[in-house]
Amino acid sequence: MSEHIARYFAQMSIETTNAVGLDSAAQIVSEVAPDVVICDYDVLATLPLEKWENDTLLSNTPVIAVSLTRHAEELHLFDVNGIAGFLYLPTLDEASALKILRAAAARPKYSIRLPVSAPRTVERG
């Protein structure tokens, strides 16, 4: 399935790399550093994602869930970090796909972290 998804999006001139399973995905993103991860919805919905959520790069890379069988209203992704969108492949047109992928890829490449030990003062007037 991952190879099919990679070919599908490669036909839209998107540079793709496919992975099978979270271990493979974790290895590949350490070498490629993708802007977006496109993943079959059923993988996201059925596998334990602790490794994904605890991996520094994977947990900070937006994920687009895709499906050949499920519609958006059937999804239950509330407990998964980083889900940036959903694409239902049977009715997907290239313009819509590119719009969602570009929006997900345009997220900030960094996050500002406040020092944990920074003193906080409150002024009361």
PDB file of N, CA and C in Angstrom:
ATOM      1  N   MET A   1       0.809  -1.188   0.000  1.00  0.00           N
ATOM      2  CA  MET A   1       0.000   0.000   0.000  1.00  0.00           C
ATOM      3  C   MET A   1       0.862   1.266   0.000  1.00  0.00           C
ATOM      4  N   SER A   2       1.967   1.253   0.751  1.00  0.00           N
ATOM      5  CA  SER A   2       2.807   2.450   0.817  1.00  0.00           C
ATOM      6  C   SER A   2       3.406   2.786  -0.544  1.00  0.00           C
ATOM      7  N   GLU A   3       3.753   1.752  -1.299  1.00  0.00           N
ATOM      8  CA  GLU A   3       4.298   1.982  -2.640  1.00  0.00           C
ATOM      9  C   GLU A   3       3.238   2.594  -3.558  1.00  0.00           C
ATOM     10  N   HIS A   4       2.015   2.120  -3.450  1.00  0.00           N
ATOM     11  CA  HIS A   4       0.909   2.670  -4.248  1.00  0.00           C
ATOM     12  C   HIS A   4       0.682   4.145  -3.905  1.00  0.00           C
ATOM     13  N   ILE A   5       0.661   4.465  -2.627  1.00  0.00           N
ATOM     14  CA  ILE A   5       0.454   5.855  -2.198  1.00  0.00           C
ATOM     15  C   ILE A   5       1.601   6.729  -2.692  1.00  0.00           C
ATOM     16  N   ALA A   6       2.831   6.248  -2.581  1.00  0.00           N
ATOM     17  CA  ALA A   6       3.986   7.021  -3.057  1.00  0.00           C
ATOM     18  C   ALA A   6       3.899   7.280  -4.558  1.00  0.00           C
ATOM     19  N   ARG A   7       3.534   6.264  -5.337  1.00  0.00           N
ATOM     20  CA  ARG A   7       3.389   6.445  -6.794  1.00  0.00           C
ATOM     21  C   ARG A   7       2.257   7.415  -7.116  1.00  0.00           C
ATOM     22  N   TYR A   8       1.151   7.307  -6.401  1.00  0.00           N
ATOM     23  CA  TYR A   8      -0.015   8.171  -6.628  1.00  0.00           C
ATOM     24  C   TYR A   8       0.381   9.645  -6.506  1.00  0.00           C
ATOM     25  N   PHE A   9       1.106   9.978  -5.446  1.00  0.00           N
ATOM     26  CA  PHE A   9       1.495  11.370  -5.237  1.00  0.00           C
ATOM     27  C   PHE A   9       2.695  11.764  -6.097  1.00  0.00           C
ATOM     28  N   ALA A  10       3.542  10.819  -6.463  1.00  0.00           N
ATOM     29  CA  ALA A  10       4.654  11.114  -7.370  1.00  0.00           C
ATOM     30  C   ALA A  10       4.134  11.544  -8.739  1.00  0.00           C
ATOM     31  N   GLN A  11       2.975  11.014  -9.145  1.00  0.00           N
ATOM     32  CA  GLN A  11       2.369  11.424 -10.415  1.00  0.00           C
ATOM     33  C   GLN A  11       1.954  12.892 -10.402  1.00  0.00           C
ATOM     34  N   MET A  12       1.860  13.484  -9.216  1.00  0.00           N
ATOM     35  CA  MET A  12       1.530  14.910  -9.085  1.00  0.00           C
ATOM     36  C   MET A  12       2.799  15.749  -8.971  1.00  0.00           C
ATOM     37  N   SER A  13       3.936  15.150  -9.293  1.00  0.00           N
ATOM     38  CA  SER A  13       5.248  15.797  -9.218  1.00  0.00           C
ATOM     39  C   SER A  13       5.675  16.100  -7.789  1.00  0.00           C
ATOM     40  N   ILE A  14       5.212  15.292  -6.854  1.00  0.00           N
ATOM     41  CA  ILE A  14       5.642  15.407  -5.464  1.00  0.00           C
ATOM     42  C   ILE A  14       6.755  14.395  -5.256  1.00  0.00           C
ATOM     43  N   GLU A  15       7.852  14.838  -4.665  1.00  0.00           N
ATOM     44  CA  GLU A  15       8.953  13.924  -4.377  1.00  0.00           C
ATOM     45  C   GLU A  15       8.537  13.017  -3.227  1.00  0.00           C
ATOM     46  N   THR A  16       8.555  11.713  -3.450  1.00  0.00           N
ATOM     47  CA  THR A  16       8.076  10.765  -2.446  1.00  0.00           C
ATOM     48  C   THR A  16       9.112   9.700  -2.124  1.00  0.00           C
ATOM     49  N   THR A  17       8.992   9.166  -0.928  1.00  0.00           N
ATOM     50  CA  THR A  17       9.734   7.995  -0.481  1.00  0.00           C
ATOM     51  C   THR A  17       8.735   7.154   0.280  1.00  0.00           C
ATOM     52  N   ASN A  18       8.725   5.849   0.072  1.00  0.00           N
ATOM     53  CA  ASN A  18       7.738   5.039   0.788  1.00  0.00           C
ATOM     54  C   ASN A  18       8.381   4.253   1.920  1.00  0.00           C
ATOM     55  N   ALA A  19       7.573   4.011   2.946  1.00  0.00           N
ATOM     56  CA  ALA A  19       8.004   3.232   4.104  1.00  0.00           C
ATOM     57  C   ALA A  19       6.882   2.279   4.482  1.00  0.00           C
ATOM     58  N   VAL A  20       7.258   1.123   5.003  1.00  0.00           N
ATOM     59  CA  VAL A  20       6.279   0.146   5.477  1.00  0.00           C
ATOM     60  C   VAL A  20       6.465   0.016   6.985  1.00  0.00           C
ATOM     61  N   GLY A  21       5.506   0.498   7.743  1.00  0.00           N
ATOM     62  CA  GLY A  21       5.572   0.422   9.203  1.00  0.00           C
ATOM     63  C   GLY A  21       6.296   1.602   9.818  1.00  0.00           C
ATOM     64  N   LEU A  22       6.092   1.759  11.126  1.00  0.00           N
ATOM     65  CA  LEU A  22       6.664   2.901  11.831  1.00  0.00           C
ATOM     66  C   LEU A  22       8.171   2.820  11.981  1.00  0.00           C
ATOM     67  N   ASP A  23       8.723   1.625  12.142  1.00  0.00           N
ATOM     68  CA  ASP A  23      10.179   1.501  12.246  1.00  0.00           C
ATOM     69  C   ASP A  23      10.847   1.968  10.963  1.00  0.00           C
ATOM     70  N   SER A  24      10.300   1.545   9.836  1.00  0.00           N
ATOM     71  CA  SER A  24      10.826   1.965   8.538  1.00  0.00           C
ATOM     72  C   SER A  24      10.667   3.473   8.358  1.00  0.00           C
ATOM     73  N   ALA A  25       9.522   4.009   8.752  1.00  0.00           N
ATOM     74  CA  ALA A  25       9.285   5.455   8.638  1.00  0.00           C
ATOM     75  C   ALA A  25      10.277   6.231   9.492  1.00  0.00           C
ATOM     76  N   ALA A  26      10.509   5.778  10.717  1.00  0.00           N
ATOM     77  CA  ALA A  26      11.456   6.459  11.602  1.00  0.00           C
ATOM     78  C   ALA A  26      12.861   6.455  11.004  1.00  0.00           C
ATOM     79  N   GLN A  27      13.261   5.346  10.394  1.00  0.00           N
ATOM     80  CA  GLN A  27      14.577   5.260   9.759  1.00  0.00           C
ATOM     81  C   GLN A  27      14.668   6.209   8.567  1.00  0.00           C
ATOM     82  N   ILE A  28      13.656   6.211   7.732  1.00  0.00           N
ATOM     83  CA  ILE A  28      13.676   7.043   6.526  1.00  0.00           C
ATOM     84  C   ILE A  28      13.686   8.525   6.864  1.00  0.00           C
ATOM     85  N   VAL A  29      12.868   8.954   7.828  1.00  0.00           N
ATOM     86  CA  VAL A  29      12.834  10.388   8.133  1.00  0.00           C
ATOM     87  C   VAL A  29      14.126  10.862   8.770  1.00  0.00           C
ATOM     88  N   SER A  30      14.892   9.960   9.354  1.00  0.00           N
ATOM     89  CA  SER A  30      16.190  10.380   9.883  1.00  0.00           C
ATOM     90  C   SER A  30      17.175  10.651   8.751  1.00  0.00           C
ATOM     91  N   GLU A  31      16.908  10.109   7.567  1.00  0.00           N
ATOM     92  CA  GLU A  31      17.773  10.307   6.406  1.00  0.00           C
ATOM     93  C   GLU A  31      17.243  11.359   5.441  1.00  0.00           C
ATOM     94  N   VAL A  32      15.917  11.519   5.358  1.00  0.00           N
ATOM     95  CA  VAL A  32      15.302  12.363   4.333  1.00  0.00           C
ATOM     96  C   VAL A  32      14.769  13.680   4.873  1.00  0.00           C
ATOM     97  N   ALA A  33      14.293  13.743   6.102  1.00  0.00           N
ATOM     98  CA  ALA A  33      13.674  14.923   6.711  1.00  0.00           C
ATOM     99  C   ALA A  33      12.541  15.478   5.840  1.00  0.00           C
ATOM    100  N   PRO A  34      11.428  14.771   5.769  1.00  0.00           N
ATOM    101  CA  PRO A  34      10.318  15.199   4.903  1.00  0.00           C
ATOM    102  C   PRO A  34       9.605  16.437   5.427  1.00  0.00           C
ATOM    103  N   ASP A  35       8.961  17.145   4.511  1.00  0.00           N
ATOM    104  CA  ASP A  35       8.118  18.277   4.894  1.00  0.00           C
ATOM    105  C   ASP A  35       6.775  17.791   5.409  1.00  0.00           C
ATOM    106  N   VAL A  36       6.298  16.670   4.873  1.00  0.00           N
ATOM    107  CA  VAL A  36       4.994  16.108   5.215  1.00  0.00           C
ATOM    108  C   VAL A  36       5.098  14.587   5.147  1.00  0.00           C
ATOM    109  N   VAL A  37       4.384  13.909   6.037  1.00  0.00           N
ATOM    110  CA  VAL A  37       4.253  12.457   5.972  1.00  0.00           C
ATOM    111  C   VAL A  37       2.836  12.156   5.498  1.00  0.00           C
ATOM    112  N   ILE A  38       2.718  11.337   4.460  1.00  0.00           N
ATOM    113  CA  ILE A  38       1.412  10.887   3.966  1.00  0.00           C
ATOM    114  C   ILE A  38       1.276   9.435   4.406  1.00  0.00           C
ATOM    115  N   CYS A  39       0.220   9.143   5.159  1.00  0.00           N
ATOM    116  CA  CYS A  39       0.082   7.811   5.744  1.00  0.00           C
ATOM    117  C   CYS A  39      -1.340   7.300   5.592  1.00  0.00           C
ATOM    118  N   ASP A  40      -1.469   6.011   5.315  1.00  0.00           N
ATOM    119  CA  ASP A  40      -2.778   5.379   5.237  1.00  0.00           C
ATOM    120  C   ASP A  40      -3.485   5.518   6.583  1.00  0.00           C
ATOM    121  N   TYR A  41      -4.737   5.944   6.542  1.00  0.00           N
ATOM    122  CA  TYR A  41      -5.510   6.159   7.765  1.00  0.00           C
ATOM    123  C   TYR A  41      -5.546   4.912   8.640  1.00  0.00           C
ATOM    124  N   ASP A  42      -5.720   3.745   8.046  1.00  0.00           N
ATOM    125  CA  ASP A  42      -5.828   2.523   8.839  1.00  0.00           C
ATOM    126  C   ASP A  42      -4.557   2.230   9.628  1.00  0.00           C
ATOM    127  N   VAL A  43      -3.399   2.637   9.121  1.00  0.00           N
ATOM    128  CA  VAL A  43      -2.155   2.497   9.880  1.00  0.00           C
ATOM    129  C   VAL A  43      -2.216   3.390  11.111  1.00  0.00           C
ATOM    130  N   LEU A  44      -2.642   4.633  10.912  1.00  0.00           N
ATOM    131  CA  LEU A  44      -2.731   5.566  12.037  1.00  0.00           C
ATOM    132  C   LEU A  44      -3.755   5.117  13.070  1.00  0.00           C
ATOM    133  N   ALA A  45      -4.848   4.533  12.607  1.00  0.00           N
ATOM    134  CA  ALA A  45      -5.951   4.175  13.500  1.00  0.00           C
ATOM    135  C   ALA A  45      -5.741   2.860  14.243  1.00  0.00           C
ATOM    136  N   THR A  46      -4.874   1.992  13.738  1.00  0.00           N
ATOM    137  CA  THR A  46      -4.776   0.657  14.332  1.00  0.00           C
ATOM    138  C   THR A  46      -3.454   0.347  15.020  1.00  0.00           C
ATOM    139  N   LEU A  47      -2.406   1.067  14.722  1.00  0.00           N
ATOM    140  CA  LEU A  47      -1.119   0.766  15.345  1.00  0.00           C
ATOM    141  C   LEU A  47      -0.907   1.610  16.591  1.00  0.00           C
ATOM    142  N   PRO A  48      -0.201   1.057  17.588  1.00  0.00           N
ATOM    143  CA  PRO A  48       0.176   1.893  18.730  1.00  0.00           C
ATOM    144  C   PRO A  48       1.190   2.932  18.250  1.00  0.00           C
ATOM    145  N   LEU A  49       0.925   4.178  18.539  1.00  0.00           N
ATOM    146  CA  LEU A  49       1.751   5.245  17.972  1.00  0.00           C
ATOM    147  C   LEU A  49       2.680   5.903  18.992  1.00  0.00           C
ATOM    148  N   GLU A  50       2.971   5.225  20.099  1.00  0.00           N
ATOM    149  CA  GLU A  50       3.852   5.809  21.105  1.00  0.00           C
ATOM    150  C   GLU A  50       5.219   6.156  20.515  1.00  0.00           C
ATOM    151  N   LYS A  51       5.747   5.253  19.683  1.00  0.00           N
ATOM    152  CA  LYS A  51       7.057   5.514  19.071  1.00  0.00           C
ATOM    153  C   LYS A  51       6.990   6.749  18.186  1.00  0.00           C
ATOM    154  N   TRP A  52       5.941   6.855  17.386  1.00  0.00           N
ATOM    155  CA  TRP A  52       5.751   8.003  16.496  1.00  0.00           C
ATOM    156  C   TRP A  52       5.670   9.289  17.315  1.00  0.00           C
ATOM    157  N   GLU A  53       4.824   9.285  18.361  1.00  0.00           N
ATOM    158  CA  GLU A  53       4.611  10.486  19.160  1.00  0.00           C
ATOM    159  C   GLU A  53       5.832  10.864  19.981  1.00  0.00           C
ATOM    160  N   ASN A  54       6.726   9.903  20.274  1.00  0.00           N
ATOM    161  CA  ASN A  54       7.922  10.181  21.064  1.00  0.00           C
ATOM    162  C   ASN A  54       9.159  10.443  20.218  1.00  0.00           C
ATOM    163  N   ASP A  55       9.090  10.210  18.919  1.00  0.00           N
ATOM    164  CA  ASP A  55      10.214  10.472  18.024  1.00  0.00           C
ATOM    165  C   ASP A  55      10.264  11.965  17.721  1.00  0.00           C
ATOM    166  N   THR A  56      11.415  12.592  17.955  1.00  0.00           N
ATOM    167  CA  THR A  56      11.539  14.038  17.805  1.00  0.00           C
ATOM    168  C   THR A  56      11.136  14.516  16.418  1.00  0.00           C
ATOM    169  N   LEU A  57      11.615  13.878  15.377  1.00  0.00           N
ATOM    170  CA  LEU A  57      11.303  14.336  14.023  1.00  0.00           C
ATOM    171  C   LEU A  57       9.890  13.956  13.604  1.00  0.00           C
ATOM    172  N   LEU A  58       9.511  12.708  13.820  1.00  0.00           N
ATOM    173  CA  LEU A  58       8.176  12.278  13.401  1.00  0.00           C
ATOM    174  C   LEU A  58       7.075  13.055  14.111  1.00  0.00           C
ATOM    175  N   SER A  59       7.251  13.318  15.387  1.00  0.00           N
ATOM    176  CA  SER A  59       6.196  14.007  16.131  1.00  0.00           C
ATOM    177  C   SER A  59       6.075  15.469  15.738  1.00  0.00           C
ATOM    178  N   ASN A  60       7.068  16.008  15.048  1.00  0.00           N
ATOM    179  CA  ASN A  60       7.028  17.404  14.612  1.00  0.00           C
ATOM    180  C   ASN A  60       6.821  17.553  13.115  1.00  0.00           C
ATOM    181  N   THR A  61       6.523  16.466  12.432  1.00  0.00           N
ATOM    182  CA  THR A  61       6.274  16.494  10.993  1.00  0.00           C
ATOM    183  C   THR A  61       4.781  16.330  10.763  1.00  0.00           C
ATOM    184  N   PRO A  62       4.152  17.250  10.027  1.00  0.00           N
ATOM    185  CA  PRO A  62       2.711  17.119   9.799  1.00  0.00           C
ATOM    186  C   PRO A  62       2.379  15.841   9.030  1.00  0.00           C
ATOM    187  N   VAL A  63       1.299  15.210   9.439  1.00  0.00           N
ATOM    188  CA  VAL A  63       0.860  13.957   8.834  1.00  0.00           C
ATOM    189  C   VAL A  63      -0.449  14.197   8.097  1.00  0.00           C
ATOM    190  N   ILE A  64      -0.499  13.752   6.843  1.00  0.00           N
ATOM    191  CA  ILE A  64      -1.733  13.757   6.070  1.00  0.00           C
ATOM    192  C   ILE A  64      -2.206  12.309   6.014  1.00  0.00           C
ATOM    193  N   ALA A  65      -3.366  12.048   6.585  1.00  0.00           N
ATOM    194  CA  ALA A  65      -3.953  10.708   6.531  1.00  0.00           C
ATOM    195  C   ALA A  65      -4.683  10.558   5.205  1.00  0.00           C
ATOM    196  N   VAL A  66      -4.529   9.406   4.568  1.00  0.00           N
ATOM    197  CA  VAL A  66      -5.218   9.138   3.303  1.00  0.00           C
ATOM    198  C   VAL A  66      -5.957   7.810   3.406  1.00  0.00           C
ATOM    199  N   SER A  67      -7.019   7.674   2.612  1.00  0.00           N
ATOM    200  CA  SER A  67      -7.771   6.423   2.613  1.00  0.00           C
ATOM    201  C   SER A  67      -8.417   6.186   1.261  1.00  0.00           C
ATOM    202  N   LEU A  68      -8.489   4.925   0.905  1.00  0.00           N
ATOM    203  CA  LEU A  68      -9.231   4.511  -0.283  1.00  0.00           C
ATOM    204  C   LEU A  68     -10.658   4.112   0.071  1.00  0.00           C
ATOM    205  N   THR A  69     -10.931   3.881   1.354  1.00  0.00           N
ATOM    206  CA  THR A  69     -12.230   3.337   1.762  1.00  0.00           C
ATOM    207  C   THR A  69     -13.002   4.189   2.756  1.00  0.00           C
ATOM    208  N   ARG A  70     -12.340   5.003   3.532  1.00  0.00           N
ATOM    209  CA  ARG A  70     -13.019   5.774   4.579  1.00  0.00           C
ATOM    210  C   ARG A  70     -13.174   7.232   4.177  1.00  0.00           C
ATOM    211  N   HIS A  71     -14.330   7.785   4.510  1.00  0.00           N
ATOM    212  CA  HIS A  71     -14.601   9.204   4.295  1.00  0.00           C
ATOM    213  C   HIS A  71     -14.175   9.981   5.540  1.00  0.00           C
ATOM    214  N   ALA A  72     -13.985  11.279   5.398  1.00  0.00           N
ATOM    215  CA  ALA A  72     -13.522  12.118   6.504  1.00  0.00           C
ATOM    216  C   ALA A  72     -14.403  12.004   7.742  1.00  0.00           C
ATOM    217  N   GLU A  73     -15.708  11.889   7.560  1.00  0.00           N
ATOM    218  CA  GLU A  73     -16.606  11.830   8.720  1.00  0.00           C
ATOM    219  C   GLU A  73     -16.482  10.521   9.507  1.00  0.00           C
ATOM    220  N   GLU A  74     -15.749   9.552   8.991  1.00  0.00           N
ATOM    221  CA  GLU A  74     -15.556   8.270   9.675  1.00  0.00           C
ATOM    222  C   GLU A  74     -14.281   8.236  10.517  1.00  0.00           C
ATOM    223  N   LEU A  75     -13.527   9.318  10.542  1.00  0.00           N
ATOM    224  CA  LEU A  75     -12.214   9.316  11.176  1.00  0.00           C
ATOM    225  C   LEU A  75     -12.286   9.562  12.669  1.00  0.00           C
ATOM    226  N   HIS A  76     -11.320   8.988  13.372  1.00  0.00           N
ATOM    227  CA  HIS A  76     -11.166   9.185  14.811  1.00  0.00           C
ATOM    228  C   HIS A  76      -9.688   9.449  15.081  1.00  0.00           C
ATOM    229  N   LEU A  77      -9.229  10.659  14.805  1.00  0.00           N
ATOM    230  CA  LEU A  77      -7.808  10.976  14.929  1.00  0.00           C
ATOM    231  C   LEU A  77      -7.516  11.944  16.065  1.00  0.00           C
ATOM    232  N   PHE A  78      -8.448  12.144  16.961  1.00  0.00           N
ATOM    233  CA  PHE A  78      -8.288  13.175  17.978  1.00  0.00           C
ATOM    234  C   PHE A  78      -7.125  12.924  18.926  1.00  0.00           C
ATOM    235  N   ASP A  79      -6.741  11.674  19.113  1.00  0.00           N
ATOM    236  CA  ASP A  79      -5.688  11.381  20.078  1.00  0.00           C
ATOM    237  C   ASP A  79      -4.307  11.255  19.439  1.00  0.00           C
ATOM    238  N   VAL A  80      -4.170  11.582  18.177  1.00  0.00           N
ATOM    239  CA  VAL A  80      -2.891  11.458  17.483  1.00  0.00           C
ATOM    240  C   VAL A  80      -2.322  12.850  17.218  1.00  0.00           C
ATOM    241  N   ASN A  81      -1.093  13.070  17.663  1.00  0.00           N
ATOM    242  CA  ASN A  81      -0.444  14.367  17.436  1.00  0.00           C
ATOM    243  C   ASN A  81      -0.045  14.524  15.978  1.00  0.00           C
ATOM    244  N   GLY A  82      -0.095  15.737  15.479  1.00  0.00           N
ATOM    245  CA  GLY A  82       0.467  16.043  14.178  1.00  0.00           C
ATOM    246  C   GLY A  82      -0.388  15.751  12.970  1.00  0.00           C
ATOM    247  N   ILE A  83      -1.659  15.375  13.125  1.00  0.00           N
ATOM    248  CA  ILE A  83      -2.500  15.125  11.962  1.00  0.00           C
ATOM    249  C   ILE A  83      -2.874  16.472  11.363  1.00  0.00           C
ATOM    250  N   ALA A  84      -2.390  16.713  10.156  1.00  0.00           N
ATOM    251  CA  ALA A  84      -2.591  18.014   9.514  1.00  0.00           C
ATOM    252  C   ALA A  84      -3.749  18.013   8.533  1.00  0.00           C
ATOM    253  N   GLY A  85      -4.215  16.842   8.117  1.00  0.00           N
ATOM    254  CA  GLY A  85      -5.307  16.799   7.152  1.00  0.00           C
ATOM    255  C   GLY A  85      -5.645  15.382   6.755  1.00  0.00           C
ATOM    256  N   PHE A  86      -6.678  15.277   5.933  1.00  0.00           N
ATOM    257  CA  PHE A  86      -7.147  13.978   5.462  1.00  0.00           C
ATOM    258  C   PHE A  86      -7.515  14.091   3.992  1.00  0.00           C
ATOM    259  N   LEU A  87      -7.153  13.077   3.222  1.00  0.00           N
ATOM    260  CA  LEU A  87      -7.491  13.028   1.803  1.00  0.00           C
ATOM    261  C   LEU A  87      -8.173  11.698   1.487  1.00  0.00           C
ATOM    262  N   TYR A  88      -9.372  11.770   0.909  1.00  0.00           N
ATOM    263  CA  TYR A  88     -10.100  10.585   0.459  1.00  0.00           C
ATOM    264  C   TYR A  88      -9.713  10.364  -0.999  1.00  0.00           C
ATOM    265  N   LEU A  89      -8.898   9.376  -1.249  1.00  0.00           N
ATOM    266  CA  LEU A  89      -8.268   9.198  -2.555  1.00  0.00           C
ATOM    267  C   LEU A  89      -9.220   8.973  -3.729  1.00  0.00           C
ATOM    268  N   PRO A  90     -10.327   8.226  -3.594  1.00  0.00           N
ATOM    269  CA  PRO A  90     -11.177   7.996  -4.768  1.00  0.00           C
ATOM    270  C   PRO A  90     -11.765   9.263  -5.395  1.00  0.00           C
ATOM    271  N   THR A  91     -11.971  10.305  -4.619  1.00  0.00           N
ATOM    272  CA  THR A  91     -12.554  11.533  -5.180  1.00  0.00           C
ATOM    273  C   THR A  91     -11.564  12.690  -5.205  1.00  0.00           C
ATOM    274  N   LEU A  92     -10.309  12.419  -4.921  1.00  0.00           N
ATOM    275  CA  LEU A  92      -9.308  13.474  -4.815  1.00  0.00           C
ATOM    276  C   LEU A  92      -8.871  13.978  -6.185  1.00  0.00           C
ATOM    277  N   ASP A  93      -8.856  15.301  -6.332  1.00  0.00           N
ATOM    278  CA  ASP A  93      -8.286  15.875  -7.548  1.00  0.00           C
ATOM    279  C   ASP A  93      -6.933  16.494  -7.193  1.00  0.00           C
ATOM    280  N   GLU A  94      -6.096  16.628  -8.195  1.00  0.00           N
ATOM    281  CA  GLU A  94      -4.724  17.080  -7.975  1.00  0.00           C
ATOM    282  C   GLU A  94      -4.655  18.453  -7.320  1.00  0.00           C
ATOM    283  N   ALA A  95      -5.477  19.398  -7.751  1.00  0.00           N
ATOM    284  CA  ALA A  95      -5.435  20.752  -7.191  1.00  0.00           C
ATOM    285  C   ALA A  95      -5.731  20.741  -5.692  1.00  0.00           C
ATOM    286  N   SER A  96      -6.727  19.981  -5.286  1.00  0.00           N
ATOM    287  CA  SER A  96      -7.072  19.900  -3.859  1.00  0.00           C
ATOM    288  C   SER A  96      -5.955  19.245  -3.058  1.00  0.00           C
ATOM    289  N   ALA A  97      -5.387  18.181  -3.599  1.00  0.00           N
ATOM    290  CA  ALA A  97      -4.300  17.491  -2.906  1.00  0.00           C
ATOM    291  C   ALA A  97      -3.110  18.417  -2.712  1.00  0.00           C
ATOM    292  N   LEU A  98      -2.721  19.107  -3.769  1.00  0.00           N
ATOM    293  CA  LEU A  98      -1.570  20.003  -3.679  1.00  0.00           C
ATOM    294  C   LEU A  98      -1.826  21.149  -2.712  1.00  0.00           C
ATOM    295  N   LYS A  99      -3.040  21.649  -2.680  1.00  0.00           N
ATOM    296  CA  LYS A  99      -3.390  22.736  -1.758  1.00  0.00           C
ATOM    297  C   LYS A  99      -3.198  22.293  -0.307  1.00  0.00           C
ATOM    298  N   ILE A 100      -3.697  21.114   0.032  1.00  0.00           N
ATOM    299  CA  ILE A 100      -3.582  20.611   1.401  1.00  0.00           C
ATOM    300  C   ILE A 100      -2.131  20.280   1.743  1.00  0.00           C
ATOM    301  N   LEU A 101      -1.420  19.649   0.822  1.00  0.00           N
ATOM    302  CA  LEU A 101      -0.022  19.298   1.079  1.00  0.00           C
ATOM    303  C   LEU A 101       0.849  20.539   1.236  1.00  0.00           C
ATOM    304  N   ARG A 102       0.629  21.543   0.408  1.00  0.00           N
ATOM    305  CA  ARG A 102       1.405  22.790   0.534  1.00  0.00           C
ATOM    306  C   ARG A 102       1.116  23.488   1.854  1.00  0.00           C
ATOM    307  N   ALA A 103      -0.148  23.504   2.259  1.00  0.00           N
ATOM    308  CA  ALA A 103      -0.506  24.132   3.535  1.00  0.00           C
ATOM    309  C   ALA A 103       0.168  23.407   4.699  1.00  0.00           C
ATOM    310  N   ALA A 104       0.163  22.090   4.663  1.00  0.00           N
ATOM    311  CA  ALA A 104       0.804  21.321   5.734  1.00  0.00           C
ATOM    312  C   ALA A 104       2.313  21.538   5.738  1.00  0.00           C
ATOM    313  N   ALA A 105       2.920  21.588   4.561  1.00  0.00           N
ATOM    314  CA  ALA A 105       4.371  21.768   4.460  1.00  0.00           C
ATOM    315  C   ALA A 105       4.806  23.173   4.832  1.00  0.00           C
ATOM    316  N   ALA A 106       3.897  24.131   4.796  1.00  0.00           N
ATOM    317  CA  ALA A 106       4.243  25.527   5.066  1.00  0.00           C
ATOM    318  C   ALA A 106       4.301  25.846   6.553  1.00  0.00           C
ATOM    319  N   ARG A 107       4.057  24.869   7.402  1.00  0.00           N
ATOM    320  CA  ARG A 107       4.097  25.146   8.835  1.00  0.00           C
ATOM    321  C   ARG A 107       5.499  25.593   9.221  1.00  0.00           C
ATOM    322  N   PRO A 108       5.617  26.288  10.350  1.00  0.00           N
ATOM    323  CA  PRO A 108       6.943  26.735  10.792  1.00  0.00           C
ATOM    324  C   PRO A 108       7.894  25.551  10.949  1.00  0.00           C
ATOM    325  N   LYS A 109       9.137  25.760  10.582  1.00  0.00           N
ATOM    326  CA  LYS A 109      10.138  24.698  10.658  1.00  0.00           C
ATOM    327  C   LYS A 109      10.773  24.610  12.047  1.00  0.00           C
ATOM    328  N   TYR A 110      10.372  25.475  12.947  1.00  0.00           N
ATOM    329  CA  TYR A 110      10.941  25.482  14.287  1.00  0.00           C
ATOM    330  C   TYR A 110       9.866  25.897  15.271  1.00  0.00           C
ATOM    331  N   SER A 111      10.149  25.679  16.521  1.00  0.00           N
ATOM    332  CA  SER A 111       9.252  26.174  17.554  1.00  0.00           C
ATOM    333  C   SER A 111      10.095  26.865  18.608  1.00  0.00           C
ATOM    334  N   ILE A 112       9.581  27.925  19.149  1.00  0.00           N
ATOM    335  CA  ILE A 112      10.294  28.674  20.178  1.00  0.00           C
ATOM    336  C   ILE A 112       9.962  28.032  21.518  1.00  0.00           C
ATOM    337  N   ARG A 113      10.980  27.636  22.213  1.00  0.00           N
ATOM    338  CA  ARG A 113      10.777  27.018  23.525  1.00  0.00           C
ATOM    339  C   ARG A 113      11.259  27.995  24.595  1.00  0.00           C
ATOM    340  N   LEU A 114      10.424  28.237  25.572  1.00  0.00           N
ATOM    341  CA  LEU A 114      10.809  29.090  26.682  1.00  0.00           C
ATOM    342  C   LEU A 114      11.663  28.294  27.652  1.00  0.00           C
ATOM    343  N   PRO A 115      12.694  28.932  28.213  1.00  0.00           N
ATOM    344  CA  PRO A 115      13.502  28.222  29.206  1.00  0.00           C
ATOM    345  C   PRO A 115      12.623  27.805  30.383  1.00  0.00           C
ATOM    346  N   VAL A 116      12.835  26.600  30.858  1.00  0.00           N
ATOM    347  CA  VAL A 116      12.036  26.086  31.967  1.00  0.00           C
ATOM    348  C   VAL A 116      12.298  26.872  33.238  1.00  0.00           C
ATOM    349  N   SER A 117      13.532  27.328  33.432  1.00  0.00           N
ATOM    350  CA  SER A 117      13.896  28.006  34.671  1.00  0.00           C
ATOM    351  C   SER A 117      13.792  29.526  34.581  1.00  0.00           C
ATOM    352  N   ALA A 118      13.211  30.043  33.528  1.00  0.00           N
ATOM    353  CA  ALA A 118      13.106  31.494  33.372  1.00  0.00           C
ATOM    354  C   ALA A 118      12.249  32.078  34.489  1.00  0.00           C
ATOM    355  N   PRO A 119      12.750  33.139  35.127  1.00  0.00           N
ATOM    356  CA  PRO A 119      11.949  33.759  36.186  1.00  0.00           C
ATOM    357  C   PRO A 119      10.727  34.443  35.590  1.00  0.00           C
ATOM    358  N   ARG A 120       9.632  34.347  36.290  1.00  0.00           N
ATOM    359  CA  ARG A 120       8.399  34.989  35.840  1.00  0.00           C
ATOM    360  C   ARG A 120       7.997  35.995  36.904  1.00  0.00           C
ATOM    361  N   THR A 121       7.738  37.175  36.455  1.00  0.00           N
ATOM    362  CA  THR A 121       7.276  38.194  37.390  1.00  0.00           C
ATOM    363  C   THR A 121       5.915  38.663  36.953  1.00  0.00           C
ATOM    364  N   VAL A 122       5.133  39.023  37.922  1.00  0.00           N
ATOM    365  CA  VAL A 122       3.800  39.534  37.644  1.00  0.00           C
ATOM    366  C   VAL A 122       3.713  40.918  38.243  1.00  0.00           C
ATOM    367  N   GLU A 123       3.409  41.871  37.406  1.00  0.00           N
ATOM    368  CA  GLU A 123       3.242  43.234  37.898  1.00  0.00           C
ATOM    369  C   GLU A 123       1.772  43.484  38.147  1.00  0.00           C
ATOM    370  N   ARG A 124       1.491  44.003  39.292  1.00  0.00           N
ATOM    371  CA  ARG A 124       0.113  44.333  39.628  1.00  0.00           C
ATOM    372  C   ARG A 124       0.035  45.842  39.788  1.00  0.00           C
ATOM    373  N   GLY A 125      -0.962  46.419  39.141  1.00  0.00           N
ATOM    374  CA  GLY A 125      -1.053  47.874  39.120  1.00  0.00           C
ATOM    375  C   GLY A 125      -2.030  48.427  39.999  1.00  0.00           C
TER     376      GLY A 125
END
